[in-house]
Amino acid sequence: MRPRDADKERVIKRKAIEMIVKHGFDGLSMHKLAKAAGVSPATIYIYFNDRDDLIIQTGLEEELKMFDATLKGFDASMSFEEGMRVQWMNRAYYFLENPDQMNFMEQLKHSPYHHEIGSQVKSNFSKLMSQFVHKAIDNKELVPLPIEVFWAISFAPLYQLVKFHINKKGITGSPYVLDAQSIHLALSIVLKGLKPTIQ
């Protein structure tokens, strides 16, 4: 059996992400990937059982990288406002520095691979987020919401701003560059919308 080469494996995963972002999952073939990565098709099968295994393993790795980036400097005991600010800035910087990874993960969310990756990922991320959210609800910093509604209000605005930046144009087609001021403005509105109304 041929030995594994960590550098080759990284190149294969990176090229797979690039191809999926550009052409979708249907545009990823092992033959084209091998050519893009500068390896033989047989080499890919040293690292992955098949095309699905390649996508799932790459998705798992990227999910864990995003979790680690999001949790940098974060603690579940933080106030809701502080914890959200840390997460927003961490997510923004990570995806601005890794636009292909963001687009790849967005495509995974709307694919049959999403459930499989979610069932395999081993991380304390969900536990920490659950602790953070429930503490905020108990402290009357956050209105109780279904998780989908919470996520859509909490993070979708940031993701859309990052997409505008990555695409280099805003909603009207004009040039757009995301800056810290816009991130803080959007976050302040999100936090206001998530805060319980005082009766």
Protein backbone atom coordinates (compact mmCIF):
# COMPACT_ATOMS: atom_id res chain seq x y z
CA MET A 1 0.00 0.00 0.00
CA ARG A 2 1.30 3.45 -0.94
CA PRO A 3 1.99 5.79 2.01
CA ARG A 4 -0.32 8.72 2.73
CA ASP A 5 1.02 12.19 2.02
CA ALA A 6 -0.62 14.94 4.11
CA ASP A 7 0.32 17.64 1.59
CA LYS A 8 -1.28 15.74 -1.30
CA GLU A 9 -4.40 15.12 0.76
CA ARG A 10 -4.68 18.86 1.51
CA VAL A 11 -4.28 19.74 -2.17
CA ILE A 12 -6.94 17.21 -3.19
CA LYS A 13 -9.41 18.63 -0.64
CA ARG A 14 -8.64 22.23 -1.62
CA LYS A 15 -9.11 21.51 -5.32
CA ALA A 16 -12.33 19.60 -4.58
CA ILE A 17 -13.70 22.64 -2.74
CA GLU A 18 -12.73 24.93 -5.62
CA MET A 19 -14.42 22.66 -8.17
CA ILE A 20 -17.61 22.29 -6.12
CA VAL A 21 -17.85 26.05 -5.55
CA LYS A 22 -17.37 26.72 -9.26
CA HIS A 23 -19.33 23.84 -10.82
CA GLY A 24 -21.49 22.36 -8.05
CA PHE A 25 -21.42 18.78 -6.82
CA ASP A 26 -22.31 17.46 -10.28
CA GLY A 27 -19.20 19.15 -11.66
CA LEU A 28 -16.86 17.16 -9.41
CA SER A 29 -15.39 14.07 -11.05
CA MET A 30 -12.43 12.13 -9.72
CA HIS A 31 -10.70 12.32 -13.10
CA LYS A 32 -11.00 16.12 -13.31
CA LEU A 33 -10.04 16.46 -9.65
CA ALA A 34 -6.93 14.34 -10.13
CA LYS A 35 -5.85 16.53 -13.03
CA ALA A 36 -6.48 19.75 -11.06
CA ALA A 37 -4.59 18.40 -8.03
CA GLY A 38 -1.67 17.13 -10.13
CA VAL A 39 -2.08 13.51 -9.03
CA SER A 40 -3.27 10.29 -10.62
CA PRO A 41 -6.91 9.20 -10.07
CA ALA A 42 -5.57 6.16 -8.18
CA THR A 43 -3.84 8.48 -5.71
CA ILE A 44 -7.17 9.97 -4.62
CA TYR A 45 -8.37 6.51 -3.58
CA ILE A 46 -5.46 6.22 -1.14
CA TYR A 47 -7.21 8.89 0.93
CA PHE A 48 -10.90 8.46 0.11
CA ASN A 49 -13.15 5.46 -0.58
CA ASP A 50 -15.11 7.26 -3.28
CA ARG A 51 -16.46 10.66 -4.34
CA ASP A 52 -19.05 10.78 -1.53
CA ASP A 53 -16.43 9.95 1.08
CA LEU A 54 -14.22 12.75 -0.27
CA ILE A 55 -17.05 15.29 0.02
CA ILE A 56 -18.08 14.14 3.50
CA GLN A 57 -14.53 14.07 4.88
CA THR A 58 -13.80 17.50 3.40
CA GLY A 59 -17.06 18.84 4.80
CA LEU A 60 -16.29 17.46 8.25
CA GLU A 61 -12.86 19.10 8.25
CA GLU A 62 -14.21 22.47 7.13
CA GLU A 63 -17.03 22.34 9.68
CA LEU A 64 -14.53 21.77 12.50
CA LYS A 65 -12.29 24.58 11.23
CA MET A 66 -15.26 26.95 11.25
CA PHE A 67 -16.26 25.83 14.77
CA ASP A 68 -12.72 26.43 16.05
CA ALA A 69 -12.59 29.86 14.42
CA THR A 70 -16.01 30.83 15.82
CA LEU A 71 -15.06 29.81 19.37
CA LYS A 72 -11.80 31.77 19.49
CA GLY A 73 -12.02 33.92 22.62
CA PHE A 74 -15.63 32.79 23.22
CA ASP A 75 -17.00 31.53 26.53
CA ALA A 76 -20.55 30.29 27.13
CA SER A 77 -20.65 32.32 30.36
CA MET A 78 -20.34 35.62 28.45
CA SER A 79 -23.28 38.00 28.30
CA PHE A 80 -25.43 37.45 25.23
CA GLU A 81 -24.28 40.71 23.62
CA GLU A 82 -20.59 40.03 24.23
CA GLY A 83 -20.82 36.40 23.10
CA MET A 84 -22.64 37.36 19.92
CA ARG A 85 -20.11 40.07 19.15
CA VAL A 86 -17.22 37.61 19.52
CA GLN A 87 -18.99 35.07 17.27
CA TRP A 88 -19.88 37.64 14.64
CA MET A 89 -16.37 39.00 14.36
CA ASN A 90 -14.83 35.52 14.37
CA ARG A 91 -17.19 34.25 11.68
CA ALA A 92 -16.75 37.39 9.59
CA TYR A 93 -12.95 37.25 9.64
CA TYR A 94 -12.87 33.52 8.97
CA PHE A 95 -15.16 33.64 5.95
CA LEU A 96 -13.64 36.82 4.54
CA GLU A 97 -10.28 35.04 4.62
CA ASN A 98 -11.74 31.77 3.30
CA PRO A 99 -14.46 32.63 0.75
CA ASP A 100 -14.33 29.27 -1.05
CA GLN A 101 -14.84 27.46 2.24
CA MET A 102 -17.87 29.62 3.01
CA ASN A 103 -19.44 28.94 -0.38
CA PHE A 104 -18.64 25.24 -0.07
CA MET A 105 -20.32 25.03 3.34
CA GLU A 106 -23.36 26.93 2.06
CA GLN A 107 -23.72 24.37 -0.74
CA LEU A 108 -23.37 21.53 1.76
CA LYS A 109 -26.23 22.95 3.84
CA HIS A 110 -28.60 22.45 0.93
CA SER A 111 -27.35 19.01 -0.08
CA PRO A 112 -27.94 15.39 1.00
CA TYR A 113 -24.45 15.45 2.57
CA HIS A 114 -25.48 17.90 5.29
CA HIS A 115 -27.21 15.34 7.52
CA GLU A 116 -24.38 12.82 7.17
CA ILE A 117 -21.76 15.39 8.12
CA GLY A 118 -23.84 16.60 11.05
CA SER A 119 -24.19 13.05 12.38
CA GLN A 120 -20.43 12.44 12.19
CA VAL A 121 -18.99 15.72 13.44
CA LYS A 122 -17.46 15.44 16.92
CA SER A 123 -17.31 18.83 18.62
CA ASN A 124 -18.44 20.56 21.80
CA PHE A 125 -19.70 23.45 19.65
CA SER A 126 -23.41 22.56 19.89
CA LYS A 127 -23.17 22.00 23.64
CA LEU A 128 -21.49 25.39 24.18
CA MET A 129 -24.02 27.17 21.97
CA SER A 130 -26.90 25.50 23.81
CA GLN A 131 -25.48 26.58 27.17
CA PHE A 132 -24.93 30.12 25.88
CA VAL A 133 -28.46 30.46 24.45
CA HIS A 134 -30.27 28.93 27.44
CA LYS A 135 -28.33 31.13 29.86
CA ALA A 136 -29.29 34.20 27.81
CA ILE A 137 -32.97 33.16 27.89
CA ASP A 138 -32.82 32.56 31.66
CA ASN A 139 -31.19 35.99 32.14
CA LYS A 140 -33.89 37.66 30.00
CA GLU A 141 -31.28 38.71 27.43
CA LEU A 142 -32.86 36.65 24.65
CA VAL A 143 -36.44 35.88 23.67
CA PRO A 144 -37.13 32.12 23.34
CA LEU A 145 -37.31 31.13 19.66
CA PRO A 146 -37.32 27.97 17.52
CA ILE A 147 -33.70 27.21 16.58
CA GLU A 148 -34.25 27.93 12.87
CA VAL A 149 -35.76 31.34 13.63
CA PHE A 150 -32.96 32.11 16.09
CA TRP A 151 -30.27 31.21 13.55
CA ALA A 152 -31.95 33.13 10.71
CA ILE A 153 -32.13 36.30 12.79
CA SER A 154 -28.80 35.85 14.58
CA PHE A 155 -26.41 34.96 11.76
CA ALA A 156 -28.04 35.13 8.33
CA PRO A 157 -27.63 38.95 8.17
CA LEU A 158 -23.88 38.59 8.73
CA TYR A 159 -23.59 35.83 6.13
CA GLN A 160 -25.41 37.97 3.57
CA LEU A 161 -23.09 40.93 4.19
CA VAL A 162 -20.08 38.64 3.77
CA LYS A 163 -21.54 37.34 0.49
CA PHE A 164 -21.93 40.91 -0.79
CA HIS A 165 -18.26 41.51 0.08
CA ILE A 166 -17.07 38.28 -1.54
CA ASN A 167 -19.06 39.05 -4.70
CA LYS A 168 -17.73 42.64 -4.58
CA LYS A 169 -21.19 44.11 -5.15
CA GLY A 170 -24.21 44.99 -3.05
CA ILE A 171 -27.92 44.46 -3.62
CA THR A 172 -28.07 47.18 -6.31
CA GLY A 173 -24.99 45.91 -8.12
CA SER A 174 -22.82 48.76 -6.86
CA PRO A 175 -19.33 47.95 -5.52
CA TYR A 176 -19.45 46.80 -1.91
CA VAL A 177 -16.77 46.34 0.74
CA LEU A 178 -17.74 45.09 4.20
CA ASP A 179 -16.18 47.00 7.08
CA ALA A 180 -16.28 46.76 10.86
CA GLN A 181 -18.72 49.67 11.11
CA SER A 182 -21.29 47.83 8.98
CA ILE A 183 -20.81 44.64 10.99
CA HIS A 184 -21.38 46.47 14.29
CA LEU A 185 -24.42 48.32 12.88
CA ALA A 186 -26.05 45.09 11.68
CA LEU A 187 -25.25 43.30 14.94
CA SER A 188 -26.76 46.10 17.04
CA ILE A 189 -30.04 45.76 15.10
CA VAL A 190 -29.97 41.96 15.45
CA LEU A 191 -29.40 42.20 19.21
CA LYS A 192 -32.23 44.68 19.55
CA GLY A 193 -34.57 42.35 17.66
CA LEU A 194 -33.62 39.34 19.82
CA LYS A 195 -34.07 41.14 23.14
CA PRO A 196 -37.28 40.38 25.05
CA THR A 197 -39.83 43.20 25.09
CA ILE A 198 -40.26 44.60 28.59
CA GLN A 199 -43.96 44.58 29.49
